[in-house]
C-alpha cells in the first residue's frame, strides 16, 4: 500500500489495488488511513458478506461495507458509478475537508477495482 513517512496508509494506486485484491478473495481489510492533512481514521472494509434476514436502509447484502471505527458504517453499491462527496459524508457521518474529498477518492477508486 501507499504509506506516508509516519507509517499511515494514504491514497494511491497501490492502496486501491491492494485493498480491492484482498476484498475479492474474501479477506476483510482494516487500515490506519490519513487524508495527509489533519485526520487519521481507522477504516474497515468488507465485501461478499454473508447476509441473513432483511436489511434496512436500502442494503441488499452485496455491497462494499465500510466502517469508520467509532464513527459510522454503510454499505456502498459497487456498480462503478462514482459516489458523490455529500453521499459519502452523510452515510459515514464524516465531515470536513480535505477528509471528505480524500475519503471519497479512496472509496471510488476501490470500487472501480472490484
PDB file of N, CA and C in Angstrom:
ATOM      1  N   UNK A   1       0.835  -1.181   0.000  1.00  0.00           N
ATOM      2  CA  UNK A   1       0.000   0.000   0.000  1.00  0.00           C
ATOM      3  C   UNK A   1       0.878   1.241   0.000  1.00  0.00           C
ATOM      4  N   UNK A   2       0.282   2.343  -0.366  1.00  0.00           N
ATOM      5  CA  UNK A   2       0.987   3.612  -0.284  1.00  0.00           C
ATOM      6  C   UNK A   2       1.005   4.047   1.186  1.00  0.00           C
ATOM      7  N   UNK A   3       2.195   4.388   1.672  1.00  0.00           N
ATOM      8  CA  UNK A   3       2.396   4.722   3.088  1.00  0.00           C
ATOM      9  C   UNK A   3       3.130   6.064   3.178  1.00  0.00           C
ATOM     10  N   UNK A   4       2.736   6.905   4.141  1.00  0.00           N
ATOM     11  CA  UNK A   4       3.449   8.174   4.334  1.00  0.00           C
ATOM     12  C   UNK A   4       4.636   7.969   5.278  1.00  0.00           C
ATOM     13  N   UNK A   5       5.334   9.044   5.592  1.00  0.00           N
ATOM     14  CA  UNK A   5       6.542   8.944   6.421  1.00  0.00           C
ATOM     15  C   UNK A   5       6.239   8.566   7.870  1.00  0.00           C
ATOM     16  N   UNK A   6       4.962   8.631   8.286  1.00  0.00           N
ATOM     17  CA  UNK A   6       4.567   8.234   9.635  1.00  0.00           C
ATOM     18  C   UNK A   6       4.047   6.799   9.688  1.00  0.00           C
ATOM     19  N   UNK A   7       4.039   6.115   8.561  1.00  0.00           N
ATOM     20  CA  UNK A   7       3.573   4.736   8.521  1.00  0.00           C
ATOM     21  C   UNK A   7       2.076   4.589   8.335  1.00  0.00           C
ATOM     22  N   UNK A   8       1.398   5.670   7.971  1.00  0.00           N
ATOM     23  CA  UNK A   8      -0.041   5.618   7.756  1.00  0.00           C
ATOM     24  C   UNK A   8      -0.349   5.405   6.279  1.00  0.00           C
ATOM     25  N   UNK A   9      -1.445   4.706   6.020  1.00  0.00           N
ATOM     26  CA  UNK A   9      -1.872   4.451   4.647  1.00  0.00           C
ATOM     27  C   UNK A   9      -2.423   5.750   4.053  1.00  0.00           C
ATOM     28  N   UNK A  10      -2.047   6.014   2.804  1.00  0.00           N
ATOM     29  CA  UNK A  10      -2.546   7.171   2.070  1.00  0.00           C
ATOM     30  C   UNK A  10      -3.108   6.698   0.733  1.00  0.00           C
ATOM     31  N   UNK A  11      -3.867   7.566   0.096  1.00  0.00           N
ATOM     32  CA  UNK A  11      -4.424   7.242  -1.213  1.00  0.00           C
ATOM     33  C   UNK A  11      -3.310   7.055  -2.232  1.00  0.00           C
ATOM     34  N   UNK A  12      -3.535   6.154  -3.161  1.00  0.00           N
ATOM     35  CA  UNK A  12      -2.596   5.894  -4.237  1.00  0.00           C
ATOM     36  C   UNK A  12      -2.943   4.583  -4.915  1.00  0.00           C
ATOM     37  N   UNK A  13      -2.390   4.389  -6.068  1.00  0.00           N
ATOM     38  CA  UNK A  13      -2.694   3.204  -6.880  1.00  0.00           C
ATOM     39  C   UNK A  13      -2.444   1.907  -6.116  1.00  0.00           C
ATOM     40  N   UNK A  14      -1.342   1.815  -5.384  1.00  0.00           N
ATOM     41  CA  UNK A  14      -1.050   0.588  -4.633  1.00  0.00           C
ATOM     42  C   UNK A  14      -2.079   0.333  -3.536  1.00  0.00           C
ATOM     43  N   UNK A  15      -2.535   1.387  -2.892  1.00  0.00           N
ATOM     44  CA  UNK A  15      -3.556   1.252  -1.849  1.00  0.00           C
ATOM     45  C   UNK A  15      -4.851   0.727  -2.437  1.00  0.00           C
ATOM     46  N   UNK A  16      -5.309   1.334  -3.514  1.00  0.00           N
ATOM     47  CA  UNK A  16      -6.573   0.917  -4.138  1.00  0.00           C
ATOM     48  C   UNK A  16      -6.512  -0.544  -4.573  1.00  0.00           C
ATOM     49  N   UNK A  17      -5.422  -0.907  -5.254  1.00  0.00           N
ATOM     50  CA  UNK A  17      -5.294  -2.278  -5.766  1.00  0.00           C
ATOM     51  C   UNK A  17      -5.186  -3.302  -4.649  1.00  0.00           C
ATOM     52  N   UNK A  18      -4.391  -3.013  -3.628  1.00  0.00           N
ATOM     53  CA  UNK A  18      -4.182  -3.964  -2.531  1.00  0.00           C
ATOM     54  C   UNK A  18      -5.483  -4.223  -1.769  1.00  0.00           C
ATOM     55  N   UNK A  19      -6.216  -3.171  -1.477  1.00  0.00           N
ATOM     56  CA  UNK A  19      -7.488  -3.345  -0.772  1.00  0.00           C
ATOM     57  C   UNK A  19      -8.461  -4.136  -1.639  1.00  0.00           C
ATOM     58  N   UNK A  20      -8.621  -3.748  -2.893  1.00  0.00           N
ATOM     59  CA  UNK A  20      -9.557  -4.439  -3.792  1.00  0.00           C
ATOM     60  C   UNK A  20      -9.165  -5.899  -3.988  1.00  0.00           C
ATOM     61  N   UNK A  21      -7.885  -6.177  -4.178  1.00  0.00           N
ATOM     62  CA  UNK A  21      -7.438  -7.560  -4.377  1.00  0.00           C
ATOM     63  C   UNK A  21      -7.764  -8.432  -3.166  1.00  0.00           C
ATOM     64  N   UNK A  22      -7.529  -7.931  -1.971  1.00  0.00           N
ATOM     65  CA  UNK A  22      -7.840  -8.696  -0.762  1.00  0.00           C
ATOM     66  C   UNK A  22      -9.337  -8.884  -0.588  1.00  0.00           C
ATOM     67  N   UNK A  23     -10.121  -7.866  -0.880  1.00  0.00           N
ATOM     68  CA  UNK A  23     -11.573  -7.983  -0.770  1.00  0.00           C
ATOM     69  C   UNK A  23     -12.126  -9.018  -1.749  1.00  0.00           C
ATOM     70  N   UNK A  24     -11.597  -9.045  -2.955  1.00  0.00           N
ATOM     71  CA  UNK A  24     -12.068 -10.004  -3.972  1.00  0.00           C
ATOM     72  C   UNK A  24     -11.842 -11.448  -3.551  1.00  0.00           C
ATOM     73  N   UNK A  25     -10.806 -11.710  -2.759  1.00  0.00           N
ATOM     74  CA  UNK A  25     -10.547 -13.094  -2.340  1.00  0.00           C
ATOM     75  C   UNK A  25     -11.156 -13.392  -0.968  1.00  0.00           C
ATOM     76  N   UNK A  26     -12.023 -12.505  -0.494  1.00  0.00           N
ATOM     77  CA  UNK A  26     -12.775 -12.773   0.717  1.00  0.00           C
ATOM     78  C   UNK A  26     -12.167 -12.299   2.025  1.00  0.00           C
ATOM     79  N   UNK A  27     -11.111 -11.538   1.949  1.00  0.00           N
ATOM     80  CA  UNK A  27     -10.492 -11.028   3.172  1.00  0.00           C
ATOM     81  C   UNK A  27     -11.068  -9.659   3.523  1.00  0.00           C
ATOM     82  N   UNK A  28     -11.295  -9.419   4.799  1.00  0.00           N
ATOM     83  CA  UNK A  28     -11.601  -8.082   5.276  1.00  0.00           C
ATOM     84  C   UNK A  28     -10.279  -7.330   5.392  1.00  0.00           C
ATOM     85  N   UNK A  29     -10.341  -6.015   5.278  1.00  0.00           N
ATOM     86  CA  UNK A  29      -9.132  -5.194   5.355  1.00  0.00           C
ATOM     87  C   UNK A  29      -9.384  -4.055   6.333  1.00  0.00           C
ATOM     88  N   UNK A  30      -8.456  -3.842   7.269  1.00  0.00           N
ATOM     89  CA  UNK A  30      -8.515  -2.688   8.149  1.00  0.00           C
ATOM     90  C   UNK A  30      -7.212  -1.912   7.988  1.00  0.00           C
ATOM     91  N   UNK A  31      -7.342  -0.589   7.858  1.00  0.00           N
ATOM     92  CA  UNK A  31      -6.164   0.248   7.651  1.00  0.00           C
ATOM     93  C   UNK A  31      -6.210   1.460   8.577  1.00  0.00           C
ATOM     94  N   UNK A  32      -5.036   1.933   8.940  1.00  0.00           N
ATOM     95  CA  UNK A  32      -4.876   3.224   9.588  1.00  0.00           C
ATOM     96  C   UNK A  32      -4.586   4.214   8.474  1.00  0.00           C
ATOM     97  N   UNK A  33      -5.557   5.049   8.143  1.00  0.00           N
ATOM     98  CA  UNK A  33      -5.521   5.902   6.951  1.00  0.00           C
ATOM     99  C   UNK A  33      -5.468   7.370   7.339  1.00  0.00           C
ATOM    100  N   UNK A  34      -4.829   8.177   6.521  1.00  0.00           N
ATOM    101  CA  UNK A  34      -4.805   9.621   6.729  1.00  0.00           C
ATOM    102  C   UNK A  34      -5.141  10.350   5.439  1.00  0.00           C
ATOM    103  N   UNK A  35      -5.760  11.527   5.608  1.00  0.00           N
ATOM    104  CA  UNK A  35      -6.042  12.391   4.459  1.00  0.00           C
ATOM    105  C   UNK A  35      -4.823  13.242   4.100  1.00  0.00           C
ATOM    106  N   UNK A  36      -3.708  12.985   4.770  1.00  0.00           N
ATOM    107  CA  UNK A  36      -2.424  13.653   4.575  1.00  0.00           C
ATOM    108  C   UNK A  36      -2.417  15.104   5.036  1.00  0.00           C
ATOM    109  N   UNK A  37      -3.442  15.492   5.773  1.00  0.00           N
ATOM    110  CA  UNK A  37      -3.503  16.861   6.267  1.00  0.00           C
ATOM    111  C   UNK A  37      -3.711  16.877   7.781  1.00  0.00           C
ATOM    112  N   UNK A  38      -4.945  16.565   8.219  1.00  0.00           N
ATOM    113  CA  UNK A  38      -5.283  16.686   9.633  1.00  0.00           C
ATOM    114  C   UNK A  38      -5.814  15.414  10.265  1.00  0.00           C
ATOM    115  N   UNK A  39      -6.371  14.522   9.469  1.00  0.00           N
ATOM    116  CA  UNK A  39      -7.218  13.465  10.009  1.00  0.00           C
ATOM    117  C   UNK A  39      -6.620  12.083   9.838  1.00  0.00           C
ATOM    118  N   UNK A  40      -6.728  11.267  10.900  1.00  0.00           N
ATOM    119  CA  UNK A  40      -6.418   9.838  10.851  1.00  0.00           C
ATOM    120  C   UNK A  40      -7.722   9.097  11.119  1.00  0.00           C
ATOM    121  N   UNK A  41      -8.014   8.081  10.307  1.00  0.00           N
ATOM    122  CA  UNK A  41      -9.186   7.231  10.505  1.00  0.00           C
ATOM    123  C   UNK A  41      -8.765   5.774  10.445  1.00  0.00           C
ATOM    124  N   UNK A  42      -9.395   4.953  11.271  1.00  0.00           N
ATOM    125  CA  UNK A  42      -9.241   3.509  11.166  1.00  0.00           C
ATOM    126  C   UNK A  42     -10.418   3.014  10.343  1.00  0.00           C
ATOM    127  N   UNK A  43     -10.134   2.470   9.163  1.00  0.00           N
ATOM    128  CA  UNK A  43     -11.164   2.067   8.205  1.00  0.00           C
ATOM    129  C   UNK A  43     -11.184   0.563   8.043  1.00  0.00           C
ATOM    130  N   UNK A  44     -12.374  -0.021   8.139  1.00  0.00           N
ATOM    131  CA  UNK A  44     -12.570  -1.452   7.950  1.00  0.00           C
ATOM    132  C   UNK A  44     -13.406  -1.665   6.698  1.00  0.00           C
ATOM    133  N   UNK A  45     -12.917  -2.499   5.782  1.00  0.00           N
ATOM    134  CA  UNK A  45     -13.599  -2.816   4.529  1.00  0.00           C
ATOM    135  C   UNK A  45     -14.000  -4.280   4.527  1.00  0.00           C
ATOM    136  N   UNK A  46     -15.199  -4.558   4.043  1.00  0.00           N
ATOM    137  CA  UNK A  46     -15.697  -5.921   3.950  1.00  0.00           C
ATOM    138  C   UNK A  46     -16.531  -6.042   2.677  1.00  0.00           C
ATOM    139  N   UNK A  47     -16.390  -7.166   1.984  1.00  0.00           N
ATOM    140  CA  UNK A  47     -17.068  -7.390   0.710  1.00  0.00           C
ATOM    141  C   UNK A  47     -17.466  -8.858   0.653  1.00  0.00           C
ATOM    142  N   UNK A  48     -18.523  -9.173  -0.062  1.00  0.00           N
ATOM    143  CA  UNK A  48     -19.057 -10.538  -0.138  1.00  0.00           C
ATOM    144  C   UNK A  48     -19.407 -11.060   1.258  1.00  0.00           C
ATOM    145  N   UNK A  49     -20.166 -10.266   1.969  1.00  0.00           N
ATOM    146  CA  UNK A  49     -20.558 -10.580   3.344  1.00  0.00           C
ATOM    147  C   UNK A  49     -21.752 -11.520   3.350  1.00  0.00           C
ATOM    148  N   UNK A  50     -21.715 -12.521   4.185  1.00  0.00           N
ATOM    149  CA  UNK A  50     -22.849 -13.418   4.345  1.00  0.00           C
ATOM    150  C   UNK A  50     -24.018 -12.620   4.903  1.00  0.00           C
ATOM    151  N   UNK A  51     -25.181 -12.707   4.274  1.00  0.00           N
ATOM    152  CA  UNK A  51     -26.367 -11.957   4.686  1.00  0.00           C
ATOM    153  C   UNK A  51     -27.450 -12.910   5.164  1.00  0.00           C
ATOM    154  N   UNK A  52     -28.038 -12.582   6.281  1.00  0.00           N
ATOM    155  CA  UNK A  52     -29.196 -13.301   6.814  1.00  0.00           C
ATOM    156  C   UNK A  52     -30.233 -12.271   7.213  1.00  0.00           C
ATOM    157  N   UNK A  53     -31.494 -12.546   6.982  1.00  0.00           N
ATOM    158  CA  UNK A  53     -32.554 -11.631   7.375  1.00  0.00           C
ATOM    159  C   UNK A  53     -32.689 -10.457   6.422  1.00  0.00           C
ATOM    160  N   UNK A  54     -33.646  -9.597   6.730  1.00  0.00           N
ATOM    161  CA  UNK A  54     -33.932  -8.425   5.906  1.00  0.00           C
ATOM    162  C   UNK A  54     -33.117  -7.240   6.402  1.00  0.00           C
ATOM    163  N   UNK A  55     -32.430  -6.593   5.484  1.00  0.00           N
ATOM    164  CA  UNK A  55     -31.644  -5.411   5.824  1.00  0.00           C
ATOM    165  C   UNK A  55     -32.465  -4.157   5.551  1.00  0.00           C
ATOM    166  N   UNK A  56     -32.125  -3.072   6.215  1.00  0.00           N
ATOM    167  CA  UNK A  56     -32.789  -1.797   6.001  1.00  0.00           C
ATOM    168  C   UNK A  56     -31.844  -0.826   5.311  1.00  0.00           C
ATOM    169  N   UNK A  57     -32.304   0.403   5.119  1.00  0.00           N
ATOM    170  CA  UNK A  57     -31.522   1.481   4.508  1.00  0.00           C
ATOM    171  C   UNK A  57     -31.114   1.192   3.074  1.00  0.00           C
ATOM    172  N   UNK A  58     -31.887   0.362   2.398  1.00  0.00           N
ATOM    173  CA  UNK A  58     -31.605   0.053   1.004  1.00  0.00           C
ATOM    174  C   UNK A  58     -30.514  -0.971   0.778  1.00  0.00           C
ATOM    175  N   UNK A  59     -29.998  -1.563   1.837  1.00  0.00           N
ATOM    176  CA  UNK A  59     -28.920  -2.550   1.702  1.00  0.00           C
ATOM    177  C   UNK A  59     -29.480  -3.905   1.276  1.00  0.00           C
ATOM    178  N   UNK A  60     -28.752  -4.569   0.385  1.00  0.00           N
ATOM    179  CA  UNK A  60     -29.156  -5.879  -0.119  1.00  0.00           C
ATOM    180  C   UNK A  60     -28.232  -7.001   0.356  1.00  0.00           C
ATOM    181  N   UNK A  61     -27.064  -6.637   0.826  1.00  0.00           N
ATOM    182  CA  UNK A  61     -26.131  -7.650   1.316  1.00  0.00           C
ATOM    183  C   UNK A  61     -24.952  -7.880   0.395  1.00  0.00           C
ATOM    184  N   UNK A  62     -24.959  -7.271  -0.796  1.00  0.00           N
ATOM    185  CA  UNK A  62     -23.856  -7.484  -1.732  1.00  0.00           C
ATOM    186  C   UNK A  62     -23.015  -6.222  -1.932  1.00  0.00           C
ATOM    187  N   UNK A  63     -23.095  -5.290  -1.006  1.00  0.00           N
ATOM    188  CA  UNK A  63     -22.370  -4.039  -1.117  1.00  0.00           C
ATOM    189  C   UNK A  63     -20.948  -4.150  -0.562  1.00  0.00           C
ATOM    190  N   UNK A  64     -20.178  -3.100  -0.798  1.00  0.00           N
ATOM    191  CA  UNK A  64     -18.889  -2.928  -0.137  1.00  0.00           C
ATOM    192  C   UNK A  64     -19.185  -2.207   1.171  1.00  0.00           C
ATOM    193  N   UNK A  65     -18.933  -2.874   2.293  1.00  0.00           N
ATOM    194  CA  UNK A  65     -19.204  -2.295   3.598  1.00  0.00           C
ATOM    195  C   UNK A  65     -17.951  -1.603   4.107  1.00  0.00           C
ATOM    196  N   UNK A  66     -18.144  -0.364   4.547  1.00  0.00           N
ATOM    197  CA  UNK A  66     -17.038   0.428   5.069  1.00  0.00           C
ATOM    198  C   UNK A  66     -17.435   0.935   6.437  1.00  0.00           C
ATOM    199  N   UNK A  67     -16.579   0.691   7.401  1.00  0.00           N
ATOM    200  CA  UNK A  67     -16.790   1.174   8.760  1.00  0.00           C
ATOM    201  C   UNK A  67     -15.649   2.106   9.131  1.00  0.00           C
ATOM    202  N   UNK A  68     -16.006   3.255   9.668  1.00  0.00           N
ATOM    203  CA  UNK A  68     -15.022   4.137  10.276  1.00  0.00           C
ATOM    204  C   UNK A  68     -15.148   3.881  11.770  1.00  0.00           C
ATOM    205  N   UNK A  69     -14.136   3.299  12.352  1.00  0.00           N
ATOM    206  CA  UNK A  69     -14.202   2.871  13.737  1.00  0.00           C
ATOM    207  C   UNK A  69     -14.573   4.064  14.631  1.00  0.00           C
ATOM    208  N   UNK A  70     -15.592   3.854  15.452  1.00  0.00           N
ATOM    209  CA  UNK A  70     -16.144   4.830  16.401  1.00  0.00           C
ATOM    210  C   UNK A  70     -16.935   5.956  15.744  1.00  0.00           C
ATOM    211  N   UNK A  71     -17.233   5.861  14.437  1.00  0.00           N
ATOM    212  CA  UNK A  71     -17.931   6.971  13.787  1.00  0.00           C
ATOM    213  C   UNK A  71     -19.164   6.550  13.000  1.00  0.00           C
ATOM    214  N   UNK A  72     -19.019   5.656  12.038  1.00  0.00           N
ATOM    215  CA  UNK A  72     -20.145   5.288  11.199  1.00  0.00           C
ATOM    216  C   UNK A  72     -19.791   4.147  10.273  1.00  0.00           C
ATOM    217  N   UNK A  73     -20.829   3.607   9.647  1.00  0.00           N
ATOM    218  CA  UNK A  73     -20.646   2.490   8.721  1.00  0.00           C
ATOM    219  C   UNK A  73     -21.772   2.513   7.706  1.00  0.00           C
ATOM    220  N   UNK A  74     -21.481   1.998   6.501  1.00  0.00           N
ATOM    221  CA  UNK A  74     -22.510   1.894   5.485  1.00  0.00           C
ATOM    222  C   UNK A  74     -22.039   0.912   4.417  1.00  0.00           C
ATOM    223  N   UNK A  75     -22.992   0.421   3.628  1.00  0.00           N
ATOM    224  CA  UNK A  75     -22.703  -0.461   2.505  1.00  0.00           C
ATOM    225  C   UNK A  75     -22.913   0.292   1.199  1.00  0.00           C
ATOM    226  N   UNK A  76     -21.905   0.297   0.353  1.00  0.00           N
ATOM    227  CA  UNK A  76     -21.948   1.047  -0.899  1.00  0.00           C
ATOM    228  C   UNK A  76     -22.060   0.116  -2.096  1.00  0.00           C
ATOM    229  N   UNK A  77     -22.989   0.445  -2.977  1.00  0.00           N
ATOM    230  CA  UNK A  77     -23.186  -0.292  -4.218  1.00  0.00           C
ATOM    231  C   UNK A  77     -21.888  -0.266  -5.012  1.00  0.00           C
ATOM    232  N   UNK A  78     -21.544  -1.383  -5.622  1.00  0.00           N
ATOM    233  CA  UNK A  78     -20.293  -1.474  -6.379  1.00  0.00           C
ATOM    234  C   UNK A  78     -20.542  -1.433  -7.882  1.00  0.00           C
ATOM    235  N   UNK A  79     -21.531  -0.671  -8.303  1.00  0.00           N
ATOM    236  CA  UNK A  79     -21.909  -0.601  -9.712  1.00  0.00           C
ATOM    237  C   UNK A  79     -20.993   0.265 -10.558  1.00  0.00           C
ATOM    238  N   UNK A  80     -19.867   0.708 -10.023  1.00  0.00           N
ATOM    239  CA  UNK A  80     -18.877   1.527 -10.729  1.00  0.00           C
ATOM    240  C   UNK A  80     -19.307   2.959 -10.954  1.00  0.00           C
ATOM    241  N   UNK A  81     -20.485   3.366 -10.481  1.00  0.00           N
ATOM    242  CA  UNK A  81     -20.849   4.775 -10.533  1.00  0.00           C
ATOM    243  C   UNK A  81     -20.147   5.494  -9.394  1.00  0.00           C
ATOM    244  N   UNK A  82     -19.469   6.604  -9.707  1.00  0.00           N
ATOM    245  CA  UNK A  82     -18.795   7.359  -8.659  1.00  0.00           C
ATOM    246  C   UNK A  82     -19.799   7.847  -7.626  1.00  0.00           C
ATOM    247  N   UNK A  83     -19.419   7.737  -6.384  1.00  0.00           N
ATOM    248  CA  UNK A  83     -20.242   8.221  -5.283  1.00  0.00           C
ATOM    249  C   UNK A  83     -19.888   9.686  -5.032  1.00  0.00           C
ATOM    250  N   UNK A  84     -20.882  10.517  -4.793  1.00  0.00           N
ATOM    251  CA  UNK A  84     -20.662  11.935  -4.544  1.00  0.00           C
ATOM    252  C   UNK A  84     -20.123  12.158  -3.137  1.00  0.00           C
ATOM    253  N   UNK A  85     -19.357  13.212  -2.972  1.00  0.00           N
ATOM    254  CA  UNK A  85     -18.790  13.523  -1.666  1.00  0.00           C
ATOM    255  C   UNK A  85     -19.874  13.695  -0.607  1.00  0.00           C
ATOM    256  N   UNK A  86     -20.965  14.361  -0.943  1.00  0.00           N
ATOM    257  CA  UNK A  86     -22.048  14.572   0.013  1.00  0.00           C
ATOM    258  C   UNK A  86     -22.676  13.263   0.465  1.00  0.00           C
ATOM    259  N   UNK A  87     -22.788  12.306  -0.460  1.00  0.00           N
ATOM    260  CA  UNK A  87     -23.350  10.993  -0.159  1.00  0.00           C
ATOM    261  C   UNK A  87     -22.442  10.238   0.816  1.00  0.00           C
ATOM    262  N   UNK A  88     -21.147  10.229   0.529  1.00  0.00           N
ATOM    263  CA  UNK A  88     -20.168   9.571   1.398  1.00  0.00           C
ATOM    264  C   UNK A  88     -20.193  10.212   2.785  1.00  0.00           C
ATOM    265  N   UNK A  89     -20.194  11.525   2.819  1.00  0.00           N
ATOM    266  CA  UNK A  89     -20.198  12.269   4.075  1.00  0.00           C
ATOM    267  C   UNK A  89     -21.412  11.917   4.925  1.00  0.00           C
ATOM    268  N   UNK A  90     -22.574  11.908   4.292  1.00  0.00           N
ATOM    269  CA  UNK A  90     -23.817  11.608   5.013  1.00  0.00           C
ATOM    270  C   UNK A  90     -23.834  10.177   5.532  1.00  0.00           C
ATOM    271  N   UNK A  91     -23.515   9.226   4.674  1.00  0.00           N
ATOM    272  CA  UNK A  91     -23.630   7.818   5.045  1.00  0.00           C
ATOM    273  C   UNK A  91     -22.611   7.380   6.091  1.00  0.00           C
ATOM    274  N   UNK A  92     -21.414   7.977   6.074  1.00  0.00           N
ATOM    275  CA  UNK A  92     -20.380   7.576   7.024  1.00  0.00           C
ATOM    276  C   UNK A  92     -20.223   8.557   8.188  1.00  0.00           C
ATOM    277  N   UNK A  93     -21.077   9.590   8.207  1.00  0.00           N
ATOM    278  CA  UNK A  93     -21.066  10.563   9.308  1.00  0.00           C
ATOM    279  C   UNK A  93     -19.692  11.208   9.466  1.00  0.00           C
ATOM    280  N   UNK A  94     -19.134  11.646   8.349  1.00  0.00           N
ATOM    281  CA  UNK A  94     -17.812  12.261   8.354  1.00  0.00           C
ATOM    282  C   UNK A  94     -17.917  13.620   7.670  1.00  0.00           C
ATOM    283  N   UNK A  95     -17.215  14.608   8.220  1.00  0.00           N
ATOM    284  CA  UNK A  95     -17.312  15.971   7.691  1.00  0.00           C
ATOM    285  C   UNK A  95     -15.943  16.619   7.693  1.00  0.00           C
ATOM    286  N   UNK A  96     -15.820  17.688   6.939  1.00  0.00           N
ATOM    287  CA  UNK A  96     -14.583  18.462   6.913  1.00  0.00           C
ATOM    288  C   UNK A  96     -13.715  18.131   5.728  1.00  0.00           C
ATOM    289  N   UNK A  97     -12.970  19.124   5.323  1.00  0.00           N
ATOM    290  CA  UNK A  97     -12.040  18.979   4.211  1.00  0.00           C
ATOM    291  C   UNK A  97     -10.610  19.043   4.719  1.00  0.00           C
ATOM    292  N   UNK A  98      -9.713  18.324   4.109  1.00  0.00           N
ATOM    293  CA  UNK A  98      -9.867  17.557   2.872  1.00  0.00           C
ATOM    294  C   UNK A  98     -10.348  16.129   3.085  1.00  0.00           C
ATOM    295  N   UNK A  99     -10.756  15.794   4.302  1.00  0.00           N
ATOM    296  CA  UNK A  99     -11.091  14.416   4.645  1.00  0.00           C
ATOM    297  C   UNK A  99     -12.163  13.831   3.745  1.00  0.00           C
ATOM    298  N   UNK A 100     -13.265  14.556   3.550  1.00  0.00           N
ATOM    299  CA  UNK A 100     -14.370  14.019   2.745  1.00  0.00           C
ATOM    300  C   UNK A 100     -13.918  13.785   1.304  1.00  0.00           C
ATOM    301  N   UNK A 101     -13.189  14.731   0.735  1.00  0.00           N
ATOM    302  CA  UNK A 101     -12.711  14.591  -0.643  1.00  0.00           C
ATOM    303  C   UNK A 101     -11.778  13.392  -0.779  1.00  0.00           C
ATOM    304  N   UNK A 102     -10.830  13.257   0.125  1.00  0.00           N
ATOM    305  CA  UNK A 102      -9.861  12.160   0.050  1.00  0.00           C
ATOM    306  C   UNK A 102     -10.510  10.803   0.322  1.00  0.00           C
ATOM    307  N   UNK A 103     -11.460  10.760   1.264  1.00  0.00           N
ATOM    308  CA  UNK A 103     -12.151   9.507   1.553  1.00  0.00           C
ATOM    309  C   UNK A 103     -13.016   9.093   0.369  1.00  0.00           C
ATOM    310  N   UNK A 104     -13.680  10.037  -0.259  1.00  0.00           N
ATOM    311  CA  UNK A 104     -14.475   9.744  -1.457  1.00  0.00           C
ATOM    312  C   UNK A 104     -13.581   9.213  -2.572  1.00  0.00           C
ATOM    313  N   UNK A 105     -12.419   9.812  -2.738  1.00  0.00           N
ATOM    314  CA  UNK A 105     -11.448   9.345  -3.735  1.00  0.00           C
ATOM    315  C   UNK A 105     -11.042   7.892  -3.445  1.00  0.00           C
ATOM    316  N   UNK A 106     -10.764   7.591  -2.193  1.00  0.00           N
ATOM    317  CA  UNK A 106     -10.380   6.231  -1.797  1.00  0.00           C
ATOM    318  C   UNK A 106     -11.492   5.240  -2.116  1.00  0.00           C
ATOM    319  N   UNK A 107     -12.696   5.536  -1.684  1.00  0.00           N
ATOM    320  CA  UNK A 107     -13.822   4.619  -1.880  1.00  0.00           C
ATOM    321  C   UNK A 107     -14.120   4.410  -3.361  1.00  0.00           C
ATOM    322  N   UNK A 108     -14.191   5.479  -4.128  1.00  0.00           N
ATOM    323  CA  UNK A 108     -14.495   5.346  -5.559  1.00  0.00           C
ATOM    324  C   UNK A 108     -13.425   4.549  -6.297  1.00  0.00           C
ATOM    325  N   UNK A 109     -12.164   4.743  -5.928  1.00  0.00           N
ATOM    326  CA  UNK A 109     -11.094   4.005  -6.600  1.00  0.00           C
ATOM    327  C   UNK A 109     -11.058   2.536  -6.214  1.00  0.00           C
ATOM    328  N   UNK A 110     -11.415   2.206  -4.987  1.00  0.00           N
ATOM    329  CA  UNK A 110     -11.514   0.792  -4.609  1.00  0.00           C
ATOM    330  C   UNK A 110     -12.654   0.133  -5.377  1.00  0.00           C
ATOM    331  N   UNK A 111     -13.811   0.784  -5.419  1.00  0.00           N
ATOM    332  CA  UNK A 111     -14.970   0.224  -6.133  1.00  0.00           C
ATOM    333  C   UNK A 111     -14.642  -0.014  -7.595  1.00  0.00           C
ATOM    334  N   UNK A 112     -13.923   0.888  -8.233  1.00  0.00           N
ATOM    335  CA  UNK A 112     -13.555   0.718  -9.655  1.00  0.00           C
ATOM    336  C   UNK A 112     -12.729  -0.546  -9.873  1.00  0.00           C
ATOM    337  N   UNK A 113     -11.994  -0.959  -8.852  1.00  0.00           N
ATOM    338  CA  UNK A 113     -11.118  -2.127  -8.989  1.00  0.00           C
ATOM    339  C   UNK A 113     -11.770  -3.428  -8.545  1.00  0.00           C
ATOM    340  N   UNK A 114     -12.969  -3.341  -8.003  1.00  0.00           N
ATOM    341  CA  UNK A 114     -13.704  -4.558  -7.630  1.00  0.00           C
ATOM    342  C   UNK A 114     -14.407  -5.084  -8.854  1.00  0.00           C
TER     343      UNK A 114
END
